[in-house]
Amino acid sequence: MTAEGDRVLTHDEILELADAVAVHQGIATGIGAMAYGAQLVVEASTSDEAVDAAMRVFANAAASAGLPPWPITRAETIGEDDELDDEGDDAG
């Protein structure tokens, strides 16, 4: 997920976000950028449900980190099956 805004984010702000998403096996990005982002692990039956769940987690994490509630501009999902398929593609 990525949220874009109107100012450059500091190292400390993104560290706060990283702490907030860590409980979801997450990582945070955005130091020195005009956007912040995170990759999260959520459980869901469908990709749409995963996006909905991740958006809630992301918004709550951003709020707890004191980040502005900027609009989410990108959301992607990768399922366990996708990861397994990618690993299997290298087997010849």
PDB file of N, CA and C in Angstrom:
ATOM      1  N   MET A   1       0.842  -1.161   0.000  1.00  0.00           N
ATOM      2  CA  MET A   1       0.000   0.000   0.000  1.00  0.00           C
ATOM      3  C   MET A   1       0.888   1.223   0.000  1.00  0.00           C
ATOM      4  N   THR A   2       0.401   2.242  -0.672  1.00  0.00           N
ATOM      5  CA  THR A   2       1.104   3.514  -0.701  1.00  0.00           C
ATOM      6  C   THR A   2       0.097   4.632  -0.550  1.00  0.00           C
ATOM      7  N   ALA A   3       0.449   5.619   0.265  1.00  0.00           N
ATOM      8  CA  ALA A   3      -0.348   6.834   0.414  1.00  0.00           C
ATOM      9  C   ALA A   3       0.542   8.010   0.039  1.00  0.00           C
ATOM     10  N   GLU A   4       0.031   8.886  -0.820  1.00  0.00           N
ATOM     11  CA  GLU A   4       0.823  10.015  -1.289  1.00  0.00           C
ATOM     12  C   GLU A   4       0.266  11.317  -0.750  1.00  0.00           C
ATOM     13  N   GLY A   5       1.198  12.262  -0.476  1.00  0.00           N
ATOM     14  CA  GLY A   5       0.794  13.533   0.092  1.00  0.00           C
ATOM     15  C   GLY A   5       1.590  14.706  -0.419  1.00  0.00           C
ATOM     16  N   ASP A   6       1.707  15.720   0.438  1.00  0.00           N
ATOM     17  CA  ASP A   6       2.231  17.002  -0.009  1.00  0.00           C
ATOM     18  C   ASP A   6       3.483  17.473   0.720  1.00  0.00           C
ATOM     19  N   ARG A   7       4.162  16.566   1.408  1.00  0.00           N
ATOM     20  CA  ARG A   7       5.416  16.951   2.067  1.00  0.00           C
ATOM     21  C   ARG A   7       6.333  15.741   2.191  1.00  0.00           C
ATOM     22  N   VAL A   8       7.600  16.021   2.399  1.00  0.00           N
ATOM     23  CA  VAL A   8       8.612  14.979   2.547  1.00  0.00           C
ATOM     24  C   VAL A   8       8.540  14.415   3.966  1.00  0.00           C
ATOM     25  N   LEU A   9       8.605  13.111   4.069  1.00  0.00           N
ATOM     26  CA  LEU A   9       8.531  12.425   5.363  1.00  0.00           C
ATOM     27  C   LEU A   9       9.912  12.198   5.953  1.00  0.00           C
ATOM     28  N   THR A  10       9.978  12.244   7.259  1.00  0.00           N
ATOM     29  CA  THR A  10      11.255  12.104   7.948  1.00  0.00           C
ATOM     30  C   THR A  10      11.557  10.650   8.288  1.00  0.00           C
ATOM     31  N   HIS A  11      12.799  10.432   8.623  1.00  0.00           N
ATOM     32  CA  HIS A  11      13.262   9.115   9.070  1.00  0.00           C
ATOM     33  C   HIS A  11      12.453   8.649  10.277  1.00  0.00           C
ATOM     34  N   ASP A  12      12.282   9.542  11.260  1.00  0.00           N
ATOM     35  CA  ASP A  12      11.550   9.177  12.479  1.00  0.00           C
ATOM     36  C   ASP A  12      10.096   8.820  12.204  1.00  0.00           C
ATOM     37  N   GLU A  13       9.452   9.525  11.268  1.00  0.00           N
ATOM     38  CA  GLU A  13       8.052   9.221  10.946  1.00  0.00           C
ATOM     39  C   GLU A  13       7.921   7.817  10.359  1.00  0.00           C
ATOM     40  N   ILE A  14       8.827   7.447   9.479  1.00  0.00           N
ATOM     41  CA  ILE A  14       8.749   6.122   8.850  1.00  0.00           C
ATOM     42  C   ILE A  14       9.139   5.043   9.846  1.00  0.00           C
ATOM     43  N   LEU A  15      10.045   5.344  10.773  1.00  0.00           N
ATOM     44  CA  LEU A  15      10.349   4.370  11.832  1.00  0.00           C
ATOM     45  C   LEU A  15       9.122   4.102  12.694  1.00  0.00           C
ATOM     46  N   GLU A  16       8.347   5.134  12.979  1.00  0.00           N
ATOM     47  CA  GLU A  16       7.099   4.958  13.729  1.00  0.00           C
ATOM     48  C   GLU A  16       6.131   4.067  12.953  1.00  0.00           C
ATOM     49  N   LEU A  17       6.037   4.290  11.646  1.00  0.00           N
ATOM     50  CA  LEU A  17       5.175   3.446  10.814  1.00  0.00           C
ATOM     51  C   LEU A  17       5.677   2.007  10.810  1.00  0.00           C
ATOM     52  N   ALA A  18       6.977   1.831  10.715  1.00  0.00           N
ATOM     53  CA  ALA A  18       7.554   0.480  10.733  1.00  0.00           C
ATOM     54  C   ALA A  18       7.196  -0.242  12.026  1.00  0.00           C
ATOM     55  N   ASP A  19       7.274   0.468  13.139  1.00  0.00           N
ATOM     56  CA  ASP A  19       6.892  -0.136  14.422  1.00  0.00           C
ATOM     57  C   ASP A  19       5.416  -0.528  14.419  1.00  0.00           C
ATOM     58  N   ALA A  20       4.586   0.328  13.836  1.00  0.00           N
ATOM     59  CA  ALA A  20       3.139   0.078  13.836  1.00  0.00           C
ATOM     60  C   ALA A  20       2.739  -1.104  12.946  1.00  0.00           C
ATOM     61  N   VAL A  21       3.468  -1.339  11.852  1.00  0.00           N
ATOM     62  CA  VAL A  21       3.109  -2.449  10.960  1.00  0.00           C
ATOM     63  C   VAL A  21       3.853  -3.739  11.297  1.00  0.00           C
ATOM     64  N   ALA A  22       4.810  -3.664  12.201  1.00  0.00           N
ATOM     65  CA  ALA A  22       5.603  -4.854  12.549  1.00  0.00           C
ATOM     66  C   ALA A  22       4.740  -5.995  13.074  1.00  0.00           C
ATOM     67  N   VAL A  23       3.651  -5.689  13.760  1.00  0.00           N
ATOM     68  CA  VAL A  23       2.777  -6.741  14.294  1.00  0.00           C
ATOM     69  C   VAL A  23       2.066  -7.513  13.179  1.00  0.00           C
ATOM     70  N   HIS A  24       2.101  -6.983  11.967  1.00  0.00           N
ATOM     71  CA  HIS A  24       1.510  -7.655  10.805  1.00  0.00           C
ATOM     72  C   HIS A  24       2.606  -8.120   9.847  1.00  0.00           C
ATOM     73  N   GLN A  25       3.764  -8.424  10.410  1.00  0.00           N
ATOM     74  CA  GLN A  25       4.925  -8.843   9.627  1.00  0.00           C
ATOM     75  C   GLN A  25       5.202  -7.834   8.518  1.00  0.00           C
ATOM     76  N   GLY A  26       4.983  -6.562   8.821  1.00  0.00           N
ATOM     77  CA  GLY A  26       5.085  -5.516   7.811  1.00  0.00           C
ATOM     78  C   GLY A  26       6.425  -4.817   7.770  1.00  0.00           C
ATOM     79  N   ILE A  27       6.648  -4.170   6.633  1.00  0.00           N
ATOM     80  CA  ILE A  27       7.785  -3.284   6.456  1.00  0.00           C
ATOM     81  C   ILE A  27       7.248  -1.960   5.946  1.00  0.00           C
ATOM     82  N   ALA A  28       7.958  -0.881   6.256  1.00  0.00           N
ATOM     83  CA  ALA A  28       7.510   0.450   5.879  1.00  0.00           C
ATOM     84  C   ALA A  28       8.530   1.116   4.968  1.00  0.00           C
ATOM     85  N   THR A  29       8.033   2.012   4.104  1.00  0.00           N
ATOM     86  CA  THR A  29       8.885   2.769   3.196  1.00  0.00           C
ATOM     87  C   THR A  29       8.445   4.228   3.198  1.00  0.00           C
ATOM     88  N   GLY A  30       9.357   5.099   2.739  1.00  0.00           N
ATOM     89  CA  GLY A  30       8.975   6.487   2.563  1.00  0.00           C
ATOM     90  C   GLY A  30       9.935   7.523   3.102  1.00  0.00           C
ATOM     91  N   ILE A  31      11.060   7.127   3.661  1.00  0.00           N
ATOM     92  CA  ILE A  31      12.000   8.109   4.205  1.00  0.00           C
ATOM     93  C   ILE A  31      12.458   9.038   3.082  1.00  0.00           C
ATOM     94  N   GLY A  32      12.260  10.343   3.286  1.00  0.00           N
ATOM     95  CA  GLY A  32      12.678  11.335   2.311  1.00  0.00           C
ATOM     96  C   GLY A  32      11.777  11.447   1.095  1.00  0.00           C
ATOM     97  N   ALA A  33      10.624  10.809   1.122  1.00  0.00           N
ATOM     98  CA  ALA A  33       9.699  10.823  -0.009  1.00  0.00           C
ATOM     99  C   ALA A  33       8.421  11.574   0.361  1.00  0.00           C
ATOM    100  N   MET A  34       7.629  11.873  -0.647  1.00  0.00           N
ATOM    101  CA  MET A  34       6.331  12.516  -0.421  1.00  0.00           C
ATOM    102  C   MET A  34       5.217  11.470  -0.427  1.00  0.00           C
ATOM    103  N   ALA A  35       5.558  10.294   0.081  1.00  0.00           N
ATOM    104  CA  ALA A  35       4.614   9.184   0.184  1.00  0.00           C
ATOM    105  C   ALA A  35       5.130   8.240   1.256  1.00  0.00           C
ATOM    106  N   TYR A  36       4.211   7.501   1.867  1.00  0.00           N
ATOM    107  CA  TYR A  36       4.613   6.433   2.771  1.00  0.00           C
ATOM    108  C   TYR A  36       3.916   5.169   2.336  1.00  0.00           C
ATOM    109  N   GLY A  37       4.539   4.051   2.637  1.00  0.00           N
ATOM    110  CA  GLY A  37       3.965   2.788   2.219  1.00  0.00           C
ATOM    111  C   GLY A  37       4.309   1.677   3.172  1.00  0.00           C
ATOM    112  N   ALA A  38       3.651   0.547   2.962  1.00  0.00           N
ATOM    113  CA  ALA A  38       3.921  -0.629   3.783  1.00  0.00           C
ATOM    114  C   ALA A  38       3.516  -1.885   3.026  1.00  0.00           C
ATOM    115  N   GLN A  39       4.236  -2.945   3.309  1.00  0.00           N
ATOM    116  CA  GLN A  39       3.838  -4.277   2.878  1.00  0.00           C
ATOM    117  C   GLN A  39       3.407  -4.995   4.138  1.00  0.00           C
ATOM    118  N   LEU A  40       2.226  -5.613   4.083  1.00  0.00           N
ATOM    119  CA  LEU A  40       1.627  -6.250   5.250  1.00  0.00           C
ATOM    120  C   LEU A  40       1.237  -7.676   4.944  1.00  0.00           C
ATOM    121  N   VAL A  41       1.113  -8.470   5.986  1.00  0.00           N
ATOM    122  CA  VAL A  41       0.569  -9.813   5.853  1.00  0.00           C
ATOM    123  C   VAL A  41      -0.804  -9.818   6.525  1.00  0.00           C
ATOM    124  N   VAL A  42      -1.830 -10.137   5.746  1.00  0.00           N
ATOM    125  CA  VAL A  42      -3.189 -10.285   6.273  1.00  0.00           C
ATOM    126  C   VAL A  42      -3.753 -11.590   5.741  1.00  0.00           C
ATOM    127  N   GLU A  43      -4.706 -12.140   6.456  1.00  0.00           N
ATOM    128  CA  GLU A  43      -5.370 -13.362   6.000  1.00  0.00           C
ATOM    129  C   GLU A  43      -6.748 -13.010   5.489  1.00  0.00           C
ATOM    130  N   ALA A  44      -7.085 -13.549   4.315  1.00  0.00           N
ATOM    131  CA  ALA A  44      -8.390 -13.293   3.708  1.00  0.00           C
ATOM    132  C   ALA A  44      -8.685 -14.389   2.693  1.00  0.00           C
ATOM    133  N   SER A  45      -9.962 -14.533   2.374  1.00  0.00           N
ATOM    134  CA  SER A  45     -10.381 -15.563   1.416  1.00  0.00           C
ATOM    135  C   SER A  45     -10.184 -15.131  -0.026  1.00  0.00           C
ATOM    136  N   THR A  46     -10.292 -13.829  -0.279  1.00  0.00           N
ATOM    137  CA  THR A  46     -10.157 -13.308  -1.640  1.00  0.00           C
ATOM    138  C   THR A  46      -9.202 -12.123  -1.658  1.00  0.00           C
ATOM    139  N   SER A  47      -8.768 -11.763  -2.843  1.00  0.00           N
ATOM    140  CA  SER A  47      -7.901 -10.603  -3.000  1.00  0.00           C
ATOM    141  C   SER A  47      -8.611  -9.326  -2.552  1.00  0.00           C
ATOM    142  N   ASP A  48      -9.896  -9.189  -2.899  1.00  0.00           N
ATOM    143  CA  ASP A  48     -10.654  -7.996  -2.488  1.00  0.00           C
ATOM    144  C   ASP A  48     -10.752  -7.887  -0.974  1.00  0.00           C
ATOM    145  N   GLU A  49     -10.992  -9.019  -0.310  1.00  0.00           N
ATOM    146  CA  GLU A  49     -11.055  -9.011   1.150  1.00  0.00           C
ATOM    147  C   GLU A  49      -9.691  -8.671   1.746  1.00  0.00           C
ATOM    148  N   ALA A  50      -8.630  -9.142   1.110  1.00  0.00           N
ATOM    149  CA  ALA A  50      -7.281  -8.846   1.593  1.00  0.00           C
ATOM    150  C   ALA A  50      -6.989  -7.351   1.484  1.00  0.00           C
ATOM    151  N   VAL A  51      -7.380  -6.755   0.368  1.00  0.00           N
ATOM    152  CA  VAL A  51      -7.170  -5.311   0.194  1.00  0.00           C
ATOM    153  C   VAL A  51      -7.950  -4.534   1.247  1.00  0.00           C
ATOM    154  N   ASP A  52      -9.214  -4.904   1.460  1.00  0.00           N
ATOM    155  CA  ASP A  52     -10.028  -4.216   2.471  1.00  0.00           C
ATOM    156  C   ASP A  52      -9.387  -4.324   3.862  1.00  0.00           C
ATOM    157  N   ALA A  53      -8.947  -5.517   4.218  1.00  0.00           N
ATOM    158  CA  ALA A  53      -8.329  -5.719   5.527  1.00  0.00           C
ATOM    159  C   ALA A  53      -7.020  -4.943   5.637  1.00  0.00           C
ATOM    160  N   ALA A  54      -6.212  -5.001   4.600  1.00  0.00           N
ATOM    161  CA  ALA A  54      -4.931  -4.306   4.616  1.00  0.00           C
ATOM    162  C   ALA A  54      -5.111  -2.789   4.673  1.00  0.00           C
ATOM    163  N   MET A  55      -6.129  -2.279   4.003  1.00  0.00           N
ATOM    164  CA  MET A  55      -6.380  -0.835   4.044  1.00  0.00           C
ATOM    165  C   MET A  55      -6.727  -0.380   5.459  1.00  0.00           C
ATOM    166  N   ARG A  56      -7.504  -1.179   6.163  1.00  0.00           N
ATOM    167  CA  ARG A  56      -7.831  -0.840   7.560  1.00  0.00           C
ATOM    168  C   ARG A  56      -6.580  -0.870   8.428  1.00  0.00           C
ATOM    169  N   VAL A  57      -5.788  -1.923   8.290  1.00  0.00           N
ATOM    170  CA  VAL A  57      -4.557  -2.048   9.073  1.00  0.00           C
ATOM    171  C   VAL A  57      -3.616  -0.884   8.754  1.00  0.00           C
ATOM    172  N   PHE A  58      -3.468  -0.580   7.487  1.00  0.00           N
ATOM    173  CA  PHE A  58      -2.572   0.492   7.029  1.00  0.00           C
ATOM    174  C   PHE A  58      -3.019   1.843   7.587  1.00  0.00           C
ATOM    175  N   ALA A  59      -4.303   2.142   7.487  1.00  0.00           N
ATOM    176  CA  ALA A  59      -4.824   3.415   7.994  1.00  0.00           C
ATOM    177  C   ALA A  59      -4.626   3.520   9.506  1.00  0.00           C
ATOM    178  N   ASN A  60      -4.897   2.441  10.230  1.00  0.00           N
ATOM    179  CA  ASN A  60      -4.707   2.449  11.684  1.00  0.00           C
ATOM    180  C   ASN A  60      -3.234   2.607  12.049  1.00  0.00           C
ATOM    181  N   ALA A  61      -2.351   1.932  11.312  1.00  0.00           N
ATOM    182  CA  ALA A  61      -0.918   2.032  11.578  1.00  0.00           C
ATOM    183  C   ALA A  61      -0.424   3.448  11.307  1.00  0.00           C
ATOM    184  N   ALA A  62      -0.871   4.041  10.209  1.00  0.00           N
ATOM    185  CA  ALA A  62      -0.468   5.411   9.878  1.00  0.00           C
ATOM    186  C   ALA A  62      -0.938   6.380  10.953  1.00  0.00           C
ATOM    187  N   ALA A  63      -2.176   6.205  11.415  1.00  0.00           N
ATOM    188  CA  ALA A  63      -2.718   7.083  12.454  1.00  0.00           C
ATOM    189  C   ALA A  63      -1.935   6.915  13.754  1.00  0.00           C
ATOM    190  N   SER A  64      -1.626   5.676  14.138  1.00  0.00           N
ATOM    191  CA  SER A  64      -0.891   5.463  15.382  1.00  0.00           C
ATOM    192  C   SER A  64       0.539   5.981  15.274  1.00  0.00           C
ATOM    193  N   ALA A  65       1.078   6.058  14.049  1.00  0.00           N
ATOM    194  CA  ALA A  65       2.420   6.600  13.839  1.00  0.00           C
ATOM    195  C   ALA A  65       2.401   8.124  13.741  1.00  0.00           C
ATOM    196  N   GLY A  66       1.203   8.710  13.766  1.00  0.00           N
ATOM    197  CA  GLY A  66       1.087  10.164  13.677  1.00  0.00           C
ATOM    198  C   GLY A  66       1.239  10.708  12.271  1.00  0.00           C
ATOM    199  N   LEU A  67       1.076   9.854  11.276  1.00  0.00           N
ATOM    200  CA  LEU A  67       1.197  10.300   9.885  1.00  0.00           C
ATOM    201  C   LEU A  67      -0.119  10.911   9.401  1.00  0.00           C
ATOM    202  N   PRO A  68      -0.045  11.802   8.432  1.00  0.00           N
ATOM    203  CA  PRO A  68      -1.273  12.385   7.901  1.00  0.00           C
ATOM    204  C   PRO A  68      -2.104  11.337   7.157  1.00  0.00           C
ATOM    205  N   PRO A  69      -3.424  11.470   7.175  1.00  0.00           N
ATOM    206  CA  PRO A  69      -4.298  10.490   6.498  1.00  0.00           C
ATOM    207  C   PRO A  69      -4.385  10.755   4.992  1.00  0.00           C
ATOM    208  N   TRP A  70      -3.272  10.606   4.318  1.00  0.00           N
ATOM    209  CA  TRP A  70      -3.220  10.839   2.871  1.00  0.00           C
ATOM    210  C   TRP A  70      -3.970   9.748   2.124  1.00  0.00           C
ATOM    211  N   PRO A  71      -4.432  10.061   0.922  1.00  0.00           N
ATOM    212  CA  PRO A  71      -5.159   9.049   0.139  1.00  0.00           C
ATOM    213  C   PRO A  71      -4.252   7.890  -0.279  1.00  0.00           C
ATOM    214  N   ILE A  72      -4.805   6.701  -0.199  1.00  0.00           N
ATOM    215  CA  ILE A  72      -4.085   5.505  -0.652  1.00  0.00           C
ATOM    216  C   ILE A  72      -4.138   5.491  -2.171  1.00  0.00           C
ATOM    217  N   THR A  73      -2.962   5.450  -2.787  1.00  0.00           N
ATOM    218  CA  THR A  73      -2.878   5.521  -4.247  1.00  0.00           C
ATOM    219  C   THR A  73      -2.522   4.193  -4.902  1.00  0.00           C
ATOM    220  N   ARG A  74      -2.124   3.214  -4.087  1.00  0.00           N
ATOM    221  CA  ARG A  74      -1.779   1.902  -4.655  1.00  0.00           C
ATOM    222  C   ARG A  74      -2.002   0.816  -3.622  1.00  0.00           C
ATOM    223  N   ALA A  75      -2.603  -0.273  -4.060  1.00  0.00           N
ATOM    224  CA  ALA A  75      -2.789  -1.449  -3.215  1.00  0.00           C
ATOM    225  C   ALA A  75      -2.683  -2.683  -4.102  1.00  0.00           C
ATOM    226  N   GLU A  76      -1.840  -3.612  -3.700  1.00  0.00           N
ATOM    227  CA  GLU A  76      -1.641  -4.853  -4.456  1.00  0.00           C
ATOM    228  C   GLU A  76      -1.696  -6.028  -3.498  1.00  0.00           C
ATOM    229  N   THR A  77      -2.035  -7.191  -4.035  1.00  0.00           N
ATOM    230  CA  THR A  77      -2.021  -8.398  -3.217  1.00  0.00           C
ATOM    231  C   THR A  77      -1.153  -9.463  -3.875  1.00  0.00           C
ATOM    232  N   ILE A  78      -0.579 -10.282  -3.032  1.00  0.00           N
ATOM    233  CA  ILE A  78       0.136 -11.479  -3.466  1.00  0.00           C
ATOM    234  C   ILE A  78      -0.331 -12.585  -2.542  1.00  0.00           C
ATOM    235  N   GLY A  79      -0.868 -13.636  -3.106  1.00  0.00           N
ATOM    236  CA  GLY A  79      -1.350 -14.754  -2.308  1.00  0.00           C
ATOM    237  C   GLY A  79      -0.277 -15.800  -2.106  1.00  0.00           C
ATOM    238  N   GLU A  80      -0.515 -16.684  -1.149  1.00  0.00           N
ATOM    239  CA  GLU A  80       0.420 -17.780  -0.915  1.00  0.00           C
ATOM    240  C   GLU A  80       0.598 -18.617  -2.172  1.00  0.00           C
ATOM    241  N   ASP A  81      -0.473 -18.848  -2.906  1.00  0.00           N
ATOM    242  CA  ASP A  81      -0.380 -19.630  -4.136  1.00  0.00           C
ATOM    243  C   ASP A  81       0.502 -18.931  -5.162  1.00  0.00           C
ATOM    244  N   ASP A  82       0.425 -17.600  -5.237  1.00  0.00           N
ATOM    245  CA  ASP A  82       1.260 -16.839  -6.164  1.00  0.00           C
ATOM    246  C   ASP A  82       2.729 -17.037  -5.844  1.00  0.00           C
ATOM    247  N   GLU A  83       3.067 -16.989  -4.555  1.00  0.00           N
ATOM    248  CA  GLU A  83       4.451 -17.168  -4.148  1.00  0.00           C
ATOM    249  C   GLU A  83       4.936 -18.571  -4.488  1.00  0.00           C
ATOM    250  N   LEU A  84       4.109 -19.581  -4.249  1.00  0.00           N
ATOM    251  CA  LEU A  84       4.492 -20.954  -4.545  1.00  0.00           C
ATOM    252  C   LEU A  84       4.658 -21.162  -6.043  1.00  0.00           C
ATOM    253  N   ASP A  85       3.782 -20.565  -6.843  1.00  0.00           N
ATOM    254  CA  ASP A  85       3.892 -20.684  -8.294  1.00  0.00           C
ATOM    255  C   ASP A  85       5.194 -20.073  -8.786  1.00  0.00           C
ATOM    256  N   ASP A  86       5.569 -18.911  -8.257  1.00  0.00           N
ATOM    257  CA  ASP A  86       6.797 -18.262  -8.667  1.00  0.00           C
ATOM    258  C   ASP A  86       8.009 -19.116  -8.341  1.00  0.00           C
ATOM    259  N   GLU A  87       8.006 -19.755  -7.170  1.00  0.00           N
ATOM    260  CA  GLU A  87       9.133 -20.599  -6.788  1.00  0.00           C
ATOM    261  C   GLU A  87       9.193 -21.824  -7.692  1.00  0.00           C
ATOM    262  N   GLY A  88       8.080 -22.353  -8.086  1.00  0.00           N
ATOM    263  CA  GLY A  88       8.041 -23.549  -8.920  1.00  0.00           C
ATOM    264  C   GLY A  88       8.455 -23.280 -10.355  1.00  0.00           C
ATOM    265  N   ASP A  89       8.398 -22.021 -10.803  1.00  0.00           N
ATOM    266  CA  ASP A  89       8.738 -21.701 -12.182  1.00  0.00           C
ATOM    267  C   ASP A  89      10.214 -21.943 -12.490  1.00  0.00           C
ATOM    268  N   ASP A  90      11.072 -21.914 -11.469  1.00  0.00           N
ATOM    269  CA  ASP A  90      12.489 -22.078 -11.697  1.00  0.00           C
ATOM    270  C   ASP A  90      12.886 -23.556 -11.832  1.00  0.00           C
ATOM    271  N   ALA A  91      12.004 -24.435 -11.407  1.00  0.00           N
ATOM    272  CA  ALA A  91      12.328 -25.866 -11.499  1.00  0.00           C
ATOM    273  C   ALA A  91      12.239 -26.302 -12.948  1.00  0.00           C
ATOM    274  N   GLY A  92      13.278 -26.933 -13.451  1.00  0.00           N
ATOM    275  CA  GLY A  92      13.311 -27.252 -14.857  1.00  0.00           C
ATOM    276  C   GLY A  92      12.997 -28.629 -15.121  1.00  0.00           C
TER     277      GLY A  92
END
